[in-house]
Protein backbone atom coordinates (compact mmCIF):
# COMPACT_ATOMS: atom_id res chain seq x y z
CA MET A 1 53.18 -77.66 278.17
CA THR A 2 50.58 -75.35 279.62
CA ARG A 3 49.82 -72.18 277.65
CA ARG A 4 46.97 -70.80 279.77
CA PHE A 5 47.36 -70.41 283.53
CA THR A 6 45.12 -68.94 286.18
CA SER A 7 46.66 -66.43 288.58
CA GLU A 8 45.60 -68.53 291.59
CA PRO A 9 48.62 -68.94 293.88
CA LEU A 10 49.93 -72.40 294.58
CA ALA A 11 49.24 -73.88 298.01
CA ALA A 12 51.62 -72.83 300.76
CA GLY A 13 54.63 -75.11 300.86
CA LEU A 14 53.90 -76.78 297.52
CA VAL A 15 56.63 -74.99 295.58
CA ASP A 16 59.16 -75.79 298.32
CA GLU A 17 58.14 -79.44 298.15
CA LEU A 18 58.41 -79.53 294.35
CA VAL A 19 61.86 -77.93 294.18
CA GLU A 20 63.09 -80.10 297.04
CA LEU A 21 62.12 -83.21 295.08
CA ALA A 22 63.37 -81.79 291.76
CA ARG A 23 66.83 -81.12 293.15
CA HIS A 24 67.29 -84.82 293.88
CA ALA A 25 68.12 -85.43 290.22
CA PRO A 26 71.42 -87.21 289.54
CA SER A 27 74.57 -85.18 290.09
CA ALA A 28 77.89 -86.11 288.46
CA GLY A 29 80.33 -86.92 291.24
CA TYR A 30 77.67 -85.66 293.61
CA SER A 31 78.93 -82.21 292.66
CA GLN A 32 75.53 -80.63 293.31
CA GLY A 33 76.12 -77.59 291.12
CA VAL A 34 72.49 -77.20 290.04
CA HIS A 35 70.54 -74.29 291.51
CA LEU A 36 66.83 -73.56 291.28
CA LEU A 37 65.87 -69.90 291.58
CA VAL A 38 62.19 -69.48 292.54
CA LEU A 39 60.45 -66.25 291.53
CA GLU A 40 57.04 -65.19 292.76
CA GLY A 41 55.27 -61.89 293.34
CA GLU A 42 57.39 -58.79 292.78
CA SER A 43 60.54 -60.74 291.84
CA LEU A 44 58.60 -62.48 289.05
CA ALA A 45 57.05 -59.19 287.85
CA ARG A 46 60.53 -57.58 287.83
CA PHE A 47 61.88 -60.53 285.82
CA TRP A 48 59.12 -60.11 283.20
CA ARG A 49 59.84 -56.37 282.94
CA THR A 50 63.62 -56.80 282.66
CA THR A 51 63.42 -59.57 280.05
CA GLU A 52 60.56 -57.86 278.19
CA GLY A 53 58.63 -61.09 278.55
CA ASP A 54 55.56 -59.05 279.39
CA GLY A 55 55.65 -57.89 275.77
CA TRP A 56 56.08 -61.20 273.99
CA PHE A 57 54.21 -63.71 276.16
CA GLU A 58 50.42 -63.85 276.16
CA PRO A 59 48.68 -62.65 279.35
CA GLU A 60 47.47 -66.21 280.03
CA ILE A 61 51.09 -67.38 280.27
CA LEU A 62 52.14 -64.37 282.36
CA ALA A 63 49.37 -65.26 284.83
CA ALA A 64 51.40 -68.21 286.19
CA PRO A 65 52.22 -67.32 289.80
CA THR A 66 55.58 -69.07 290.03
CA MET A 67 58.72 -69.40 287.93
CA VAL A 68 61.69 -71.65 288.63
CA ILE A 69 64.89 -70.79 286.77
CA ALA A 70 67.32 -73.68 286.31
CA LEU A 71 70.94 -72.67 286.85
CA ALA A 72 74.17 -74.62 286.53
CA ASP A 73 77.53 -73.79 288.07
CA PRO A 74 80.35 -75.33 286.00
CA ASP A 75 82.93 -74.33 288.63
CA THR A 76 81.28 -76.61 291.18
CA TYR A 77 81.86 -79.55 288.85
CA THR A 78 85.43 -78.70 287.90
CA SER A 79 86.29 -78.12 291.56
CA ARG A 80 84.75 -81.44 292.53
CA TYR A 81 86.72 -83.26 289.84
CA ALA A 82 89.94 -81.68 291.11
CA GLU A 83 89.43 -83.42 294.49
CA SER A 84 91.59 -86.45 295.32
CA ASP A 85 88.91 -89.08 294.71
CA LYS A 86 88.13 -87.70 291.23
CA GLU A 87 91.43 -86.22 290.05
CA GLY A 88 93.55 -87.57 287.23
CA HIS A 89 91.03 -87.43 284.41
CA GLY A 90 91.58 -83.78 283.43
CA LEU A 91 88.01 -82.85 284.39
CA GLU A 92 89.17 -79.99 286.60
CA ASP A 93 89.11 -78.09 283.28
CA ALA A 94 85.61 -77.53 281.86
CA ALA A 95 86.93 -77.75 278.29
CA ASN A 96 87.85 -81.42 278.87
CA TRP A 97 84.33 -82.59 279.68
CA PRO A 98 83.02 -84.48 276.61
CA VAL A 99 79.53 -83.78 277.94
CA PRO A 100 79.11 -80.81 280.30
CA PHE A 101 77.31 -82.63 283.09
CA TRP A 102 76.36 -79.38 284.83
CA ILE A 103 73.95 -78.89 281.91
CA THR A 104 72.82 -82.52 281.94
CA ASP A 105 72.19 -82.49 285.69
CA ALA A 106 70.23 -79.23 285.49
CA ALA A 107 68.14 -80.66 282.64
CA MET A 108 67.33 -83.69 284.78
CA ALA A 109 66.23 -81.44 287.65
CA VAL A 110 63.96 -79.56 285.21
CA GLN A 111 62.51 -82.84 283.96
CA ASN A 112 61.87 -83.89 287.56
CA LEU A 113 60.08 -80.60 288.18
CA LEU A 114 57.94 -80.98 285.05
CA LEU A 115 56.95 -84.54 285.95
CA LEU A 116 56.19 -83.56 289.54
CA ALA A 117 53.98 -80.70 288.37
CA GLU A 118 52.10 -83.05 286.07
CA SER A 119 51.69 -85.64 288.83
CA ARG A 120 50.17 -82.95 291.08
CA GLY A 121 47.71 -81.82 288.40
CA LEU A 122 49.48 -78.51 287.91
CA GLY A 123 50.28 -76.68 284.74
CA ALA A 124 53.90 -76.21 283.70
CA LEU A 125 55.68 -74.54 280.81
CA TYR A 126 59.41 -74.85 280.11
CA PHE A 127 60.98 -72.12 277.99
CA GLY A 128 64.37 -70.60 277.22
CA LEU A 129 65.50 -67.22 278.51
CA PHE A 130 66.44 -64.71 275.84
CA ASN A 131 66.01 -60.93 276.09
CA ASN A 132 68.15 -59.42 278.84
CA ALA A 133 68.41 -62.78 280.62
CA ARG A 134 71.87 -62.05 282.00
CA LEU A 135 70.75 -58.60 283.16
CA ALA A 136 67.82 -60.14 285.04
CA LEU A 137 70.09 -62.76 286.62
CA ASP A 138 72.59 -60.08 287.62
CA GLU A 139 69.76 -58.13 289.29
CA MET A 140 68.95 -61.27 291.31
CA GLY A 141 72.57 -61.76 292.37
CA VAL A 142 73.31 -64.84 290.24
CA PRO A 143 77.11 -65.08 289.83
CA ALA A 144 78.31 -64.22 286.32
CA HIS A 145 79.83 -67.66 285.68
CA VAL A 146 76.58 -69.50 286.47
CA LEU A 147 74.64 -70.58 283.39
CA HIS A 148 70.89 -70.41 282.92
CA LEU A 149 69.19 -73.34 281.25
CA GLY A 150 65.70 -71.96 280.97
CA ALA A 151 62.74 -71.59 283.26
CA VAL A 152 59.63 -73.47 284.29
CA LEU A 153 56.40 -71.64 284.94
CA LEU A 154 54.18 -73.36 287.49
CA GLY A 155 50.57 -72.76 288.29
CA HIS A 156 47.03 -73.96 287.86
CA ARG A 157 45.89 -74.65 284.31
CA ALA A 158 43.06 -72.49 283.04
CA SER A 159 39.97 -74.55 282.22
CA ASP A 160 40.29 -73.59 278.54
CA ASP A 161 43.97 -74.60 278.23
CA ARG A 162 44.50 -76.74 275.14
CA GLN A 163 47.53 -78.29 273.53
CA SER A 164 49.09 -75.80 271.13
CA GLY A 165 52.35 -75.11 269.36
CA SER A 166 54.31 -77.79 267.53
CA ALA A 167 52.87 -80.61 269.64
CA ALA A 168 49.45 -79.78 268.24
CA THR A 169 50.59 -79.72 264.62
CA ARG A 170 53.26 -82.42 264.45
CA THR A 171 52.92 -86.08 265.28
CA ARG A 172 55.36 -87.84 267.59
CA ARG A 173 57.85 -89.92 265.66
CA PRO A 174 57.17 -93.64 266.04
CA ALA A 175 59.39 -95.64 268.38
CA THR A 176 60.70 -97.60 265.39
CA GLU A 177 62.42 -94.40 264.21
CA VAL A 178 64.04 -93.41 267.50
CA VAL A 179 64.59 -96.55 269.55
CA HIS A 180 67.52 -98.60 268.30
CA ARG A 181 68.60 -102.04 269.49
CA SER A 182 72.11 -103.35 268.98
CA HIS A 183 72.68 -101.00 266.01
CA TRP A 184 71.27 -97.84 264.41
């Protein structure tokens, strides 16, 4: 995760290309209830003010020129699973989903976006939305029932960007502790 961005804008069309590829993540029942809200310029500055992010993020993070907010619409999934080719499993009711795939699908789109950014030599930072998140989403016209799953900042890494946070202080668990074959 990038912690120091430059304010250099991304090349024209690059963000559109990245979100177009990211949205091709799997979609349960091809429901397609994942939305990617791109913020740049004044809309991004307004988001930082509303969420008070400009007070708790370092200036080098705030310099990122683009943010993509991952959104998931549960109603799209429950409506899809009420259709004739999917009905009969009780999944027209969100409470009956053992795993809420609207969250899973949005997470996969975010992962796609992070991998795409890395493959293009860009910096990216995924983070959760906290202070006044719903207020900011309301200001941008996001329907009240749509869930936010965090945001990805995109931009060019500053030359002095270094790994920080937990990844810099904790080692990755060995595969022998997390990969299991035939039993735990």
